[in-house]
C-alpha cells in the first residue's frame, strides 16, 4: 500500500518570550492509504500539535511533511487551506456545529461554494446523514440532539467534500463509552470503505479499532 502522509524529522518550536519550547522533536512517521491510525498520548505529549501537522492545519518549524508525495510543509496558508478542503475531513471533540442551523443545514455548509445546485447539495447531505443513522433527526438543531448524534452529524459533515483522509481529534471525548464505540464503529466502517482514518486520543481502549498505533510522549514517537 502506498504512503498518503509522511513526516520527516519534524520539529515544532514555540517561543514564549525568551523561553524556547520544543513541542515536537524530530518526529518521523508514515501513514499508508487506508490505514486506521491512532495517535495515542497523555495530555501535554504533543499529540494535538502532531495532529495539526498530519492534517495540514500547521507547518513545522523544521522538517518536511508530504501529502501524497507532495511537500506541503512550505505551502502558504491559502494553499494549505485548499489542500485541506479537497483532501481532509475533520471531526472535533466539541462537534463545532452551528447551533442555529439544523443537522441537515450543518452538513450542507461545506458544499455551498462548490457551484452545485441547492437540490443536489441537499440530496447529498441527506444521504450522508442517513449513512450515519440520522435520517429521522436531520431537521433537528444541535440543542435537540444527544452528544452521540451531534458527533454523527459532524462525521457526516466531514464527508461532504469526499475527502480521502478523515482526521478525528478526541472524537469520543464528550460521549459515554457505549456511544463512543458507536462513533468509532462508524469511523471503522468508513475506513473499510477506503478512507484513511487518523484518530488522536488519550483513551487506550480505542486501540482495538486501529491497524497502526503511533505513541507520542514528550514530543517524540515512543516506540
N, C-alpha and C. Protein backbone atom coordinates (compact mmCIF):
# COMPACT_ATOMS: atom_id res chain seq x y z
N UNK A 1 0.85 -1.20 0.00
CA UNK A 1 0.00 0.00 0.00
C UNK A 1 0.89 1.25 0.00
N UNK A 2 0.51 2.26 -0.78
CA UNK A 2 1.36 3.44 -0.89
C UNK A 2 1.13 4.42 0.25
N UNK A 3 2.16 5.24 0.51
CA UNK A 3 2.08 6.25 1.56
C UNK A 3 1.11 7.36 1.16
N UNK A 4 0.33 7.83 2.13
CA UNK A 4 -0.51 9.00 1.87
C UNK A 4 0.01 10.21 2.65
N UNK A 5 0.60 9.96 3.84
CA UNK A 5 1.20 11.03 4.65
C UNK A 5 2.56 10.56 5.14
N UNK A 6 3.55 11.44 5.06
CA UNK A 6 4.87 11.13 5.62
C UNK A 6 5.44 12.37 6.30
N UNK A 7 5.93 12.20 7.52
CA UNK A 7 6.64 13.25 8.23
C UNK A 7 8.10 12.85 8.33
N UNK A 8 8.99 13.79 8.00
CA UNK A 8 10.43 13.54 8.05
C UNK A 8 11.09 14.54 9.00
N UNK A 9 11.54 14.05 10.15
CA UNK A 9 12.28 14.84 11.14
C UNK A 9 11.59 16.18 11.44
N UNK A 10 10.32 16.09 11.81
CA UNK A 10 9.50 17.28 12.04
C UNK A 10 9.68 17.81 13.46
N UNK A 11 9.99 19.09 13.53
CA UNK A 11 10.08 19.83 14.79
C UNK A 11 9.04 20.94 14.79
N UNK A 12 8.44 21.20 15.95
CA UNK A 12 7.60 22.38 16.11
C UNK A 12 8.02 23.08 17.40
N UNK A 13 8.48 24.31 17.23
CA UNK A 13 9.02 25.08 18.34
C UNK A 13 8.22 26.36 18.52
N UNK A 14 7.90 26.66 19.77
CA UNK A 14 7.22 27.92 20.10
C UNK A 14 8.15 28.74 21.00
N UNK A 15 8.08 30.04 20.84
CA UNK A 15 8.87 30.94 21.68
C UNK A 15 7.94 31.76 22.55
N UNK A 16 8.06 31.58 23.86
CA UNK A 16 7.26 32.30 24.83
C UNK A 16 8.18 33.29 25.54
N UNK A 17 8.26 34.50 24.94
CA UNK A 17 9.25 35.44 25.42
C UNK A 17 10.64 34.91 25.11
N UNK A 18 11.45 34.72 26.13
CA UNK A 18 12.79 34.18 25.92
C UNK A 18 12.83 32.67 26.08
N UNK A 19 11.69 32.07 26.36
CA UNK A 19 11.63 30.63 26.57
C UNK A 19 11.36 29.92 25.24
N UNK A 20 12.19 28.94 24.92
CA UNK A 20 12.04 28.13 23.71
C UNK A 20 11.39 26.81 24.09
N UNK A 21 10.27 26.50 23.47
CA UNK A 21 9.53 25.28 23.80
C UNK A 21 9.42 24.39 22.58
N UNK A 22 10.13 23.25 22.60
CA UNK A 22 10.06 22.27 21.51
C UNK A 22 8.92 21.31 21.80
N UNK A 23 7.79 21.51 21.13
CA UNK A 23 6.62 20.66 21.36
C UNK A 23 6.74 19.35 20.61
N UNK A 24 7.27 19.39 19.38
CA UNK A 24 7.59 18.17 18.62
C UNK A 24 9.10 18.16 18.39
N UNK A 25 9.70 16.99 18.56
CA UNK A 25 11.16 16.90 18.50
C UNK A 25 11.59 15.76 17.59
N UNK A 26 11.74 16.08 16.32
CA UNK A 26 12.27 15.10 15.37
C UNK A 26 11.33 13.95 15.06
N UNK A 27 10.07 14.27 14.79
CA UNK A 27 9.07 13.23 14.52
C UNK A 27 9.18 12.75 13.06
N UNK A 28 9.30 11.44 12.89
CA UNK A 28 9.24 10.83 11.57
C UNK A 28 8.23 9.69 11.62
N UNK A 29 7.31 9.68 10.66
CA UNK A 29 6.31 8.61 10.62
C UNK A 29 5.69 8.54 9.23
N UNK A 30 5.02 7.41 8.98
CA UNK A 30 4.30 7.20 7.72
C UNK A 30 2.89 6.72 8.02
N UNK A 31 1.94 7.21 7.23
CA UNK A 31 0.57 6.69 7.24
C UNK A 31 0.27 6.23 5.82
N UNK A 32 -0.13 4.97 5.67
CA UNK A 32 -0.42 4.42 4.36
C UNK A 32 -1.89 4.64 4.01
N UNK A 33 -2.18 4.61 2.72
CA UNK A 33 -3.57 4.70 2.28
C UNK A 33 -4.38 3.57 2.91
N UNK A 34 -5.54 3.94 3.41
CA UNK A 34 -6.49 3.02 4.06
C UNK A 34 -6.01 2.52 5.42
N UNK A 35 -5.00 3.16 5.99
CA UNK A 35 -4.68 2.90 7.38
C UNK A 35 -5.79 3.41 8.29
N UNK A 36 -5.97 2.76 9.42
CA UNK A 36 -6.72 3.34 10.54
C UNK A 36 -5.67 3.55 11.62
N UNK A 37 -5.19 4.79 11.73
CA UNK A 37 -4.09 5.12 12.63
C UNK A 37 -4.60 5.85 13.85
N UNK A 38 -4.10 5.47 15.01
CA UNK A 38 -4.42 6.17 16.25
C UNK A 38 -3.14 6.78 16.80
N UNK A 39 -3.20 8.10 17.04
CA UNK A 39 -2.11 8.81 17.71
C UNK A 39 -2.48 8.85 19.19
N UNK A 40 -1.69 8.18 19.98
CA UNK A 40 -2.03 7.96 21.38
C UNK A 40 -0.99 8.63 22.28
N UNK A 41 -1.48 9.38 23.26
CA UNK A 41 -0.55 10.01 24.19
C UNK A 41 -1.28 10.76 25.28
N UNK A 42 -0.60 10.98 26.40
CA UNK A 42 -1.22 11.71 27.50
C UNK A 42 -1.34 13.20 27.20
N UNK A 43 -2.06 13.92 28.04
CA UNK A 43 -2.17 15.37 27.90
C UNK A 43 -0.78 15.99 27.97
N UNK A 44 -0.51 16.92 27.04
CA UNK A 44 0.79 17.58 27.02
C UNK A 44 1.88 16.84 26.29
N UNK A 45 1.54 15.72 25.66
CA UNK A 45 2.55 14.91 24.98
C UNK A 45 2.95 15.46 23.61
N UNK A 46 2.10 16.34 23.06
CA UNK A 46 2.35 16.88 21.72
C UNK A 46 1.43 16.29 20.67
N UNK A 47 0.46 15.48 21.09
CA UNK A 47 -0.37 14.78 20.08
C UNK A 47 -1.26 15.73 19.30
N UNK A 48 -1.77 16.79 19.94
CA UNK A 48 -2.60 17.75 19.20
C UNK A 48 -1.77 18.52 18.18
N UNK A 49 -0.54 18.86 18.56
CA UNK A 49 0.36 19.54 17.62
C UNK A 49 0.71 18.61 16.46
N UNK A 50 0.91 17.33 16.78
CA UNK A 50 1.18 16.35 15.72
C UNK A 50 -0.03 16.23 14.80
N UNK A 51 -1.23 16.25 15.36
CA UNK A 51 -2.44 16.22 14.55
C UNK A 51 -2.46 17.41 13.59
N UNK A 52 -2.08 18.58 14.09
CA UNK A 52 -2.06 19.76 13.22
C UNK A 52 -1.10 19.59 12.06
N UNK A 53 -0.04 18.84 12.28
CA UNK A 53 0.94 18.60 11.20
C UNK A 53 0.37 17.64 10.16
N UNK A 54 -0.14 16.50 10.61
CA UNK A 54 -0.60 15.48 9.65
C UNK A 54 -1.84 15.93 8.90
N UNK A 55 -2.58 16.92 9.45
CA UNK A 55 -3.81 17.36 8.80
C UNK A 55 -3.66 18.70 8.08
N UNK A 56 -2.43 19.17 7.94
CA UNK A 56 -2.14 20.42 7.21
C UNK A 56 -2.79 21.65 7.84
N UNK A 57 -3.03 21.60 9.15
CA UNK A 57 -3.52 22.78 9.85
C UNK A 57 -2.37 23.71 10.24
N UNK A 58 -1.16 23.19 10.21
CA UNK A 58 0.02 23.98 10.58
C UNK A 58 1.22 23.42 9.85
N UNK A 59 2.30 24.19 9.83
CA UNK A 59 3.53 23.73 9.19
C UNK A 59 4.64 23.64 10.25
N UNK A 60 5.63 22.78 10.03
CA UNK A 60 6.67 22.59 11.05
C UNK A 60 7.68 23.73 11.08
N UNK A 61 8.34 23.86 12.22
CA UNK A 61 9.47 24.79 12.33
C UNK A 61 10.65 24.26 11.52
N UNK A 62 10.85 22.94 11.60
CA UNK A 62 11.89 22.26 10.81
C UNK A 62 11.31 20.93 10.35
N UNK A 63 11.87 20.41 9.24
CA UNK A 63 11.44 19.12 8.74
C UNK A 63 10.45 19.26 7.59
N UNK A 64 10.02 18.11 7.08
CA UNK A 64 9.15 18.10 5.90
C UNK A 64 7.93 17.22 6.14
N UNK A 65 6.82 17.63 5.51
CA UNK A 65 5.58 16.86 5.54
C UNK A 65 5.14 16.64 4.10
N UNK A 66 4.90 15.37 3.77
CA UNK A 66 4.48 15.03 2.41
C UNK A 66 3.06 14.48 2.44
N UNK A 67 2.21 15.01 1.60
CA UNK A 67 0.86 14.51 1.40
C UNK A 67 0.79 13.98 -0.03
N UNK A 68 0.64 12.66 -0.15
CA UNK A 68 0.68 12.01 -1.47
C UNK A 68 1.92 12.43 -2.25
N UNK A 69 3.07 12.41 -1.54
CA UNK A 69 4.40 12.67 -2.10
C UNK A 69 4.64 14.14 -2.47
N UNK A 70 3.69 15.02 -2.16
CA UNK A 70 3.89 16.46 -2.38
C UNK A 70 4.28 17.11 -1.06
N UNK A 71 5.38 17.87 -1.07
CA UNK A 71 5.84 18.53 0.16
C UNK A 71 4.92 19.72 0.45
N UNK A 72 4.13 19.59 1.51
CA UNK A 72 3.18 20.66 1.87
C UNK A 72 3.72 21.55 2.97
N UNK A 73 4.92 21.26 3.47
CA UNK A 73 5.44 22.00 4.62
C UNK A 73 5.89 23.41 4.27
N UNK A 74 5.99 23.71 2.98
CA UNK A 74 6.42 25.05 2.57
C UNK A 74 5.27 25.86 1.95
N UNK A 75 4.05 25.32 1.99
CA UNK A 75 2.92 26.00 1.34
C UNK A 75 2.46 27.20 2.14
N UNK A 76 1.84 28.16 1.44
CA UNK A 76 1.22 29.31 2.11
C UNK A 76 -0.06 28.85 2.81
N UNK A 77 -0.59 29.68 3.69
CA UNK A 77 -1.81 29.33 4.40
C UNK A 77 -2.97 29.13 3.42
N UNK A 78 -3.05 29.95 2.37
CA UNK A 78 -4.13 29.80 1.39
C UNK A 78 -4.03 28.46 0.67
N UNK A 79 -2.80 28.08 0.31
CA UNK A 79 -2.61 26.81 -0.39
C UNK A 79 -2.89 25.63 0.54
N UNK A 80 -2.49 25.76 1.82
CA UNK A 80 -2.79 24.72 2.79
C UNK A 80 -4.30 24.54 2.95
N UNK A 81 -5.01 25.67 3.00
CA UNK A 81 -6.47 25.62 3.15
C UNK A 81 -7.10 24.91 1.95
N UNK A 82 -6.55 25.12 0.77
CA UNK A 82 -7.07 24.46 -0.43
C UNK A 82 -6.84 22.95 -0.36
N UNK A 83 -5.66 22.57 0.12
CA UNK A 83 -5.34 21.14 0.27
C UNK A 83 -6.30 20.50 1.27
N UNK A 84 -6.50 21.16 2.41
CA UNK A 84 -7.41 20.63 3.43
C UNK A 84 -8.82 20.46 2.88
N UNK A 85 -9.29 21.47 2.14
CA UNK A 85 -10.65 21.43 1.62
C UNK A 85 -10.89 20.28 0.67
N UNK A 86 -9.85 19.87 -0.07
CA UNK A 86 -10.00 18.81 -1.06
C UNK A 86 -9.71 17.42 -0.51
N UNK A 87 -8.78 17.34 0.44
CA UNK A 87 -8.24 16.04 0.81
C UNK A 87 -8.66 15.53 2.19
N UNK A 88 -9.03 16.46 3.11
CA UNK A 88 -9.15 16.08 4.51
C UNK A 88 -10.49 16.50 5.10
N UNK A 89 -11.13 15.56 5.80
CA UNK A 89 -12.34 15.86 6.55
C UNK A 89 -12.04 15.83 8.03
N UNK A 90 -12.62 16.77 8.79
CA UNK A 90 -12.29 16.93 10.20
C UNK A 90 -13.48 16.61 11.11
N UNK A 91 -13.19 15.91 12.20
CA UNK A 91 -14.17 15.64 13.26
C UNK A 91 -13.53 16.06 14.57
N UNK A 92 -14.22 16.94 15.32
CA UNK A 92 -13.64 17.51 16.54
C UNK A 92 -14.39 17.07 17.79
N UNK A 93 -13.69 17.11 18.91
CA UNK A 93 -14.29 16.72 20.19
C UNK A 93 -15.50 17.58 20.53
N UNK A 94 -15.44 18.87 20.22
CA UNK A 94 -16.51 19.80 20.58
C UNK A 94 -17.60 19.90 19.52
N UNK A 95 -17.57 19.05 18.51
CA UNK A 95 -18.57 18.94 17.44
C UNK A 95 -18.50 20.11 16.45
N UNK A 96 -18.36 21.35 16.97
CA UNK A 96 -18.27 22.55 16.12
C UNK A 96 -19.45 22.71 15.17
N UNK A 97 -20.66 22.42 15.66
CA UNK A 97 -21.87 22.63 14.87
C UNK A 97 -22.42 24.03 15.12
N UNK A 98 -23.04 24.60 14.09
CA UNK A 98 -23.68 25.90 14.26
C UNK A 98 -25.04 25.69 14.90
N UNK A 99 -25.24 26.30 16.06
CA UNK A 99 -26.41 25.98 16.89
C UNK A 99 -27.73 26.43 16.29
N UNK A 100 -27.71 27.45 15.43
CA UNK A 100 -28.96 27.97 14.86
C UNK A 100 -29.39 27.23 13.60
N UNK A 101 -28.59 26.28 13.17
CA UNK A 101 -28.90 25.51 11.95
C UNK A 101 -29.30 24.09 12.31
N UNK A 102 -30.09 23.46 11.44
CA UNK A 102 -30.45 22.06 11.63
C UNK A 102 -29.27 21.16 11.28
N UNK A 103 -29.39 19.89 11.62
CA UNK A 103 -28.35 18.92 11.25
C UNK A 103 -28.12 18.95 9.74
N UNK A 104 -29.20 18.96 8.99
CA UNK A 104 -29.09 18.98 7.52
C UNK A 104 -28.34 20.22 7.05
N UNK A 105 -28.69 21.37 7.59
CA UNK A 105 -28.04 22.62 7.17
C UNK A 105 -26.56 22.64 7.56
N UNK A 106 -26.23 22.06 8.71
CA UNK A 106 -24.82 21.98 9.12
C UNK A 106 -24.01 21.15 8.15
N UNK A 107 -24.59 20.07 7.64
CA UNK A 107 -23.88 19.19 6.71
C UNK A 107 -23.75 19.84 5.33
N UNK A 108 -24.73 20.65 4.96
CA UNK A 108 -24.72 21.31 3.65
C UNK A 108 -23.63 22.38 3.56
N UNK A 109 -23.33 23.04 4.68
CA UNK A 109 -22.46 24.23 4.67
C UNK A 109 -21.17 24.08 3.86
N UNK A 110 -20.39 23.00 4.02
CA UNK A 110 -19.12 22.93 3.27
C UNK A 110 -19.30 22.87 1.75
N UNK A 111 -20.50 22.59 1.27
CA UNK A 111 -20.71 22.46 -0.18
C UNK A 111 -21.29 23.72 -0.81
N UNK A 112 -21.56 24.76 0.00
CA UNK A 112 -22.26 25.94 -0.50
C UNK A 112 -21.50 26.62 -1.64
N UNK A 113 -20.17 26.61 -1.57
CA UNK A 113 -19.37 27.34 -2.56
C UNK A 113 -18.85 26.45 -3.69
N UNK A 114 -19.45 25.28 -3.85
CA UNK A 114 -18.99 24.36 -4.88
C UNK A 114 -19.65 24.58 -6.25
N UNK A 115 -20.64 25.42 -6.28
CA UNK A 115 -21.30 25.71 -7.56
C UNK A 115 -22.37 24.71 -7.96
N UNK A 116 -22.67 23.75 -7.10
CA UNK A 116 -23.74 22.79 -7.40
C UNK A 116 -25.08 23.36 -6.95
N UNK A 117 -26.15 22.81 -7.50
CA UNK A 117 -27.48 23.32 -7.19
C UNK A 117 -27.88 23.00 -5.76
N UNK A 118 -28.82 23.77 -5.23
CA UNK A 118 -29.32 23.55 -3.88
C UNK A 118 -29.90 22.15 -3.73
N UNK A 119 -30.59 21.69 -4.76
CA UNK A 119 -31.21 20.36 -4.72
C UNK A 119 -30.16 19.26 -4.59
N UNK A 120 -29.07 19.38 -5.36
CA UNK A 120 -28.00 18.37 -5.30
C UNK A 120 -27.30 18.39 -3.96
N UNK A 121 -27.06 19.60 -3.43
CA UNK A 121 -26.39 19.71 -2.12
C UNK A 121 -27.25 19.08 -1.02
N UNK A 122 -28.54 19.36 -1.08
CA UNK A 122 -29.45 18.83 -0.06
C UNK A 122 -29.58 17.31 -0.17
N UNK A 123 -29.64 16.81 -1.40
CA UNK A 123 -29.74 15.36 -1.61
C UNK A 123 -28.51 14.65 -1.05
N UNK A 124 -27.34 15.20 -1.30
CA UNK A 124 -26.10 14.59 -0.81
C UNK A 124 -26.05 14.62 0.72
N UNK A 125 -26.43 15.75 1.31
CA UNK A 125 -26.41 15.88 2.77
C UNK A 125 -27.37 14.87 3.42
N UNK A 126 -28.54 14.67 2.81
CA UNK A 126 -29.49 13.70 3.34
C UNK A 126 -28.92 12.28 3.26
N UNK A 127 -28.23 11.98 2.17
CA UNK A 127 -27.62 10.66 2.03
C UNK A 127 -26.54 10.43 3.10
N UNK A 128 -25.75 11.47 3.37
CA UNK A 128 -24.69 11.34 4.37
C UNK A 128 -25.26 11.17 5.77
N UNK A 129 -26.30 11.93 6.09
CA UNK A 129 -26.93 11.80 7.41
C UNK A 129 -27.58 10.42 7.56
N UNK A 130 -28.17 9.92 6.48
CA UNK A 130 -28.74 8.57 6.53
C UNK A 130 -27.66 7.52 6.75
N UNK A 131 -26.47 7.75 6.17
CA UNK A 131 -25.39 6.78 6.28
C UNK A 131 -24.87 6.65 7.71
N UNK A 132 -25.12 7.69 8.55
CA UNK A 132 -24.71 7.61 9.96
C UNK A 132 -25.93 7.43 10.87
N UNK A 133 -27.06 7.02 10.28
CA UNK A 133 -28.23 6.66 11.07
C UNK A 133 -29.06 7.81 11.58
N UNK A 134 -29.01 8.96 10.91
CA UNK A 134 -29.73 10.14 11.39
C UNK A 134 -30.82 10.60 10.43
N UNK A 135 -31.37 9.68 9.64
CA UNK A 135 -32.39 10.08 8.67
C UNK A 135 -33.64 10.67 9.34
N UNK A 136 -33.89 10.32 10.61
CA UNK A 136 -35.07 10.84 11.31
C UNK A 136 -34.76 12.05 12.18
N UNK A 137 -33.49 12.49 12.17
CA UNK A 137 -33.10 13.60 13.05
C UNK A 137 -32.52 14.78 12.27
N UNK A 138 -32.58 14.74 10.95
CA UNK A 138 -31.87 15.74 10.15
C UNK A 138 -32.44 17.15 10.24
N UNK A 139 -33.69 17.28 10.68
CA UNK A 139 -34.29 18.62 10.78
C UNK A 139 -34.25 19.15 12.21
N UNK A 140 -33.51 18.47 13.09
CA UNK A 140 -33.34 18.93 14.46
C UNK A 140 -32.10 19.80 14.58
N UNK A 141 -32.16 20.78 15.48
CA UNK A 141 -30.99 21.61 15.77
C UNK A 141 -30.12 20.93 16.83
N UNK A 142 -28.85 21.34 16.93
CA UNK A 142 -27.93 20.68 17.87
C UNK A 142 -28.46 20.57 19.31
N UNK A 143 -29.18 21.58 19.79
CA UNK A 143 -29.70 21.54 21.16
C UNK A 143 -30.70 20.40 21.37
N UNK A 144 -31.25 19.90 20.26
CA UNK A 144 -32.24 18.83 20.34
C UNK A 144 -31.62 17.45 20.11
N UNK A 145 -30.30 17.41 19.98
CA UNK A 145 -29.60 16.15 19.70
C UNK A 145 -28.73 15.75 20.89
N UNK A 146 -28.54 14.45 21.04
CA UNK A 146 -27.62 13.94 22.06
C UNK A 146 -26.18 14.17 21.61
N UNK A 147 -25.22 13.96 22.53
CA UNK A 147 -23.81 14.11 22.18
C UNK A 147 -23.40 13.18 21.05
N UNK A 148 -23.87 11.94 21.10
CA UNK A 148 -23.54 10.99 20.05
C UNK A 148 -24.13 11.38 18.71
N UNK A 149 -25.35 11.92 18.73
CA UNK A 149 -25.98 12.37 17.49
C UNK A 149 -25.25 13.57 16.91
N UNK A 150 -24.81 14.48 17.76
CA UNK A 150 -24.04 15.63 17.29
C UNK A 150 -22.74 15.18 16.62
N UNK A 151 -22.08 14.18 17.22
CA UNK A 151 -20.84 13.70 16.64
C UNK A 151 -21.09 13.01 15.30
N UNK A 152 -22.22 12.33 15.17
CA UNK A 152 -22.55 11.70 13.89
C UNK A 152 -22.84 12.76 12.82
N UNK A 153 -23.46 13.87 13.23
CA UNK A 153 -23.65 14.99 12.29
C UNK A 153 -22.28 15.51 11.84
N UNK A 154 -21.36 15.64 12.80
CA UNK A 154 -20.02 16.13 12.48
C UNK A 154 -19.29 15.19 11.52
N UNK A 155 -19.48 13.88 11.70
CA UNK A 155 -18.86 12.91 10.79
C UNK A 155 -19.47 13.06 9.39
N UNK A 156 -20.79 13.18 9.33
CA UNK A 156 -21.45 13.36 8.02
C UNK A 156 -20.93 14.63 7.34
N UNK A 157 -20.81 15.70 8.12
CA UNK A 157 -20.30 16.97 7.55
C UNK A 157 -18.87 16.80 7.03
N UNK A 158 -18.05 16.01 7.73
CA UNK A 158 -16.66 15.83 7.31
C UNK A 158 -16.54 15.13 5.97
N UNK A 159 -17.61 14.46 5.55
CA UNK A 159 -17.58 13.67 4.31
C UNK A 159 -18.12 14.41 3.10
N UNK A 160 -18.60 15.64 3.28
CA UNK A 160 -19.32 16.32 2.20
C UNK A 160 -18.46 16.56 0.97
N UNK A 161 -17.16 16.82 1.16
CA UNK A 161 -16.29 17.08 0.01
C UNK A 161 -15.54 15.84 -0.45
N UNK A 162 -16.02 14.67 0.01
CA UNK A 162 -15.45 13.38 -0.39
C UNK A 162 -13.94 13.32 -0.16
N UNK A 163 -13.49 13.60 1.07
CA UNK A 163 -12.05 13.59 1.36
C UNK A 163 -11.50 12.17 1.35
N UNK A 164 -10.20 12.07 1.12
CA UNK A 164 -9.54 10.77 1.19
C UNK A 164 -9.15 10.42 2.63
N UNK A 165 -8.97 11.48 3.45
CA UNK A 165 -8.50 11.30 4.82
C UNK A 165 -9.51 11.89 5.79
N UNK A 166 -9.86 11.13 6.84
CA UNK A 166 -10.68 11.64 7.93
C UNK A 166 -9.79 11.77 9.16
N UNK A 167 -9.72 12.97 9.72
CA UNK A 167 -8.94 13.23 10.93
C UNK A 167 -9.90 13.54 12.07
N UNK A 168 -9.79 12.80 13.15
CA UNK A 168 -10.72 12.97 14.29
C UNK A 168 -9.91 13.26 15.56
N UNK A 169 -10.20 14.40 16.18
CA UNK A 169 -9.50 14.83 17.39
C UNK A 169 -10.35 14.52 18.61
N UNK A 170 -9.97 13.50 19.38
CA UNK A 170 -10.72 13.06 20.56
C UNK A 170 -12.22 12.92 20.25
N UNK A 171 -12.59 12.15 19.22
CA UNK A 171 -13.99 12.10 18.78
C UNK A 171 -14.94 11.49 19.81
N UNK A 172 -14.40 10.76 20.78
CA UNK A 172 -15.26 10.15 21.81
C UNK A 172 -15.16 10.88 23.14
N UNK A 173 -14.49 12.03 23.15
CA UNK A 173 -14.20 12.72 24.40
C UNK A 173 -15.41 13.28 25.12
N UNK A 174 -16.49 13.56 24.39
CA UNK A 174 -17.67 14.17 25.01
C UNK A 174 -18.88 13.24 25.01
N UNK A 175 -18.65 11.94 24.89
CA UNK A 175 -19.76 10.98 24.90
C UNK A 175 -19.41 9.82 25.83
N UNK A 176 -20.41 9.05 26.24
CA UNK A 176 -20.14 7.91 27.11
C UNK A 176 -19.49 6.78 26.31
N UNK A 177 -19.02 5.75 27.01
CA UNK A 177 -18.23 4.71 26.35
C UNK A 177 -19.04 3.93 25.32
N UNK A 178 -20.32 3.68 25.60
CA UNK A 178 -21.16 2.95 24.65
C UNK A 178 -21.34 3.75 23.36
N UNK A 179 -21.63 5.05 23.51
CA UNK A 179 -21.78 5.91 22.34
C UNK A 179 -20.44 6.06 21.62
N UNK A 180 -19.35 6.11 22.40
CA UNK A 180 -18.03 6.20 21.80
C UNK A 180 -17.72 5.02 20.90
N UNK A 181 -18.15 3.83 21.30
CA UNK A 181 -17.95 2.65 20.46
C UNK A 181 -18.75 2.75 19.17
N UNK A 182 -19.95 3.36 19.25
CA UNK A 182 -20.76 3.57 18.04
C UNK A 182 -20.03 4.52 17.09
N UNK A 183 -19.51 5.62 17.64
CA UNK A 183 -18.78 6.60 16.83
C UNK A 183 -17.56 5.95 16.17
N UNK A 184 -16.80 5.19 16.94
CA UNK A 184 -15.62 4.53 16.40
C UNK A 184 -16.01 3.48 15.36
N UNK A 185 -17.15 2.84 15.57
CA UNK A 185 -17.64 1.86 14.59
C UNK A 185 -17.95 2.50 13.25
N UNK A 186 -18.50 3.72 13.30
CA UNK A 186 -18.78 4.45 12.05
C UNK A 186 -17.47 4.80 11.34
N UNK A 187 -16.48 5.27 12.11
CA UNK A 187 -15.18 5.58 11.52
C UNK A 187 -14.52 4.34 10.94
N UNK A 188 -14.67 3.21 11.64
CA UNK A 188 -14.11 1.95 11.15
C UNK A 188 -14.76 1.53 9.83
N UNK A 189 -16.06 1.71 9.75
CA UNK A 189 -16.77 1.37 8.50
C UNK A 189 -16.29 2.25 7.35
N UNK A 190 -16.08 3.54 7.61
CA UNK A 190 -15.56 4.43 6.58
C UNK A 190 -14.16 3.99 6.14
N UNK A 191 -13.36 3.53 7.09
CA UNK A 191 -12.03 3.01 6.79
C UNK A 191 -12.12 1.78 5.90
N UNK A 192 -13.04 0.89 6.21
CA UNK A 192 -13.22 -0.33 5.42
C UNK A 192 -13.72 -0.03 4.01
N UNK A 193 -14.38 1.13 3.87
CA UNK A 193 -14.87 1.55 2.55
C UNK A 193 -13.80 2.30 1.75
N UNK A 194 -12.60 2.47 2.34
CA UNK A 194 -11.49 3.04 1.58
C UNK A 194 -10.90 4.33 2.11
N UNK A 195 -11.49 4.91 3.16
CA UNK A 195 -10.95 6.15 3.71
C UNK A 195 -9.74 5.85 4.61
N UNK A 196 -8.77 6.75 4.59
CA UNK A 196 -7.71 6.73 5.58
C UNK A 196 -8.21 7.49 6.80
N UNK A 197 -8.11 6.88 7.98
CA UNK A 197 -8.64 7.49 9.20
C UNK A 197 -7.51 7.68 10.20
N UNK A 198 -7.42 8.90 10.76
CA UNK A 198 -6.43 9.20 11.79
C UNK A 198 -7.17 9.76 13.00
N UNK A 199 -7.02 9.09 14.13
CA UNK A 199 -7.70 9.49 15.36
C UNK A 199 -6.66 9.86 16.41
N UNK A 200 -6.84 11.02 17.02
CA UNK A 200 -5.99 11.42 18.15
C UNK A 200 -6.78 11.22 19.43
N UNK A 201 -6.17 10.55 20.40
CA UNK A 201 -6.89 10.25 21.64
C UNK A 201 -5.91 9.98 22.77
N UNK A 202 -6.41 10.08 24.01
CA UNK A 202 -5.64 9.62 25.17
C UNK A 202 -6.23 8.31 25.70
N UNK A 203 -7.30 7.83 25.04
CA UNK A 203 -8.04 6.65 25.50
C UNK A 203 -7.45 5.37 24.91
N UNK A 204 -6.75 4.61 25.73
CA UNK A 204 -6.10 3.39 25.25
C UNK A 204 -7.10 2.33 24.78
N UNK A 205 -8.36 2.44 25.21
CA UNK A 205 -9.38 1.46 24.81
C UNK A 205 -9.65 1.51 23.31
N UNK A 206 -9.34 2.63 22.67
CA UNK A 206 -9.65 2.79 21.24
C UNK A 206 -8.64 2.08 20.33
N UNK A 207 -7.56 1.55 20.92
CA UNK A 207 -6.54 0.88 20.12
C UNK A 207 -7.10 -0.29 19.31
N UNK A 208 -8.16 -0.91 19.82
CA UNK A 208 -8.70 -2.10 19.17
C UNK A 208 -9.25 -1.82 17.77
N UNK A 209 -9.52 -0.55 17.47
CA UNK A 209 -10.08 -0.21 16.16
C UNK A 209 -9.00 0.01 15.10
N UNK A 210 -7.75 0.17 15.52
CA UNK A 210 -6.70 0.62 14.61
C UNK A 210 -5.82 -0.50 14.11
N UNK A 211 -5.21 -0.29 12.95
CA UNK A 211 -4.16 -1.18 12.48
C UNK A 211 -2.78 -0.57 12.67
N UNK A 212 -2.73 0.72 13.05
CA UNK A 212 -1.45 1.39 13.29
C UNK A 212 -1.60 2.24 14.56
N UNK A 213 -0.70 2.05 15.51
CA UNK A 213 -0.68 2.84 16.74
C UNK A 213 0.57 3.70 16.74
N UNK A 214 0.40 5.00 16.88
CA UNK A 214 1.52 5.94 16.97
C UNK A 214 1.51 6.52 18.38
N UNK A 215 2.47 6.12 19.20
CA UNK A 215 2.52 6.59 20.58
C UNK A 215 3.48 7.77 20.68
N UNK A 216 3.01 8.84 21.30
CA UNK A 216 3.85 10.03 21.44
C UNK A 216 3.96 10.41 22.91
N UNK A 217 5.17 10.77 23.31
CA UNK A 217 5.42 11.21 24.68
C UNK A 217 6.53 12.26 24.66
N UNK A 218 6.29 13.36 25.33
CA UNK A 218 7.27 14.45 25.40
C UNK A 218 7.75 14.87 24.01
N UNK A 219 6.81 14.90 23.06
CA UNK A 219 7.13 15.41 21.72
C UNK A 219 7.89 14.47 20.83
N UNK A 220 8.02 13.21 21.24
CA UNK A 220 8.75 12.24 20.42
C UNK A 220 7.93 10.96 20.30
N UNK A 221 8.13 10.26 19.18
CA UNK A 221 7.49 8.97 19.00
C UNK A 221 8.08 7.98 20.01
N UNK A 222 7.20 7.34 20.73
CA UNK A 222 7.60 6.39 21.79
C UNK A 222 7.36 4.99 21.25
N UNK A 223 8.39 4.36 20.77
CA UNK A 223 8.22 3.04 20.12
C UNK A 223 7.76 1.99 21.12
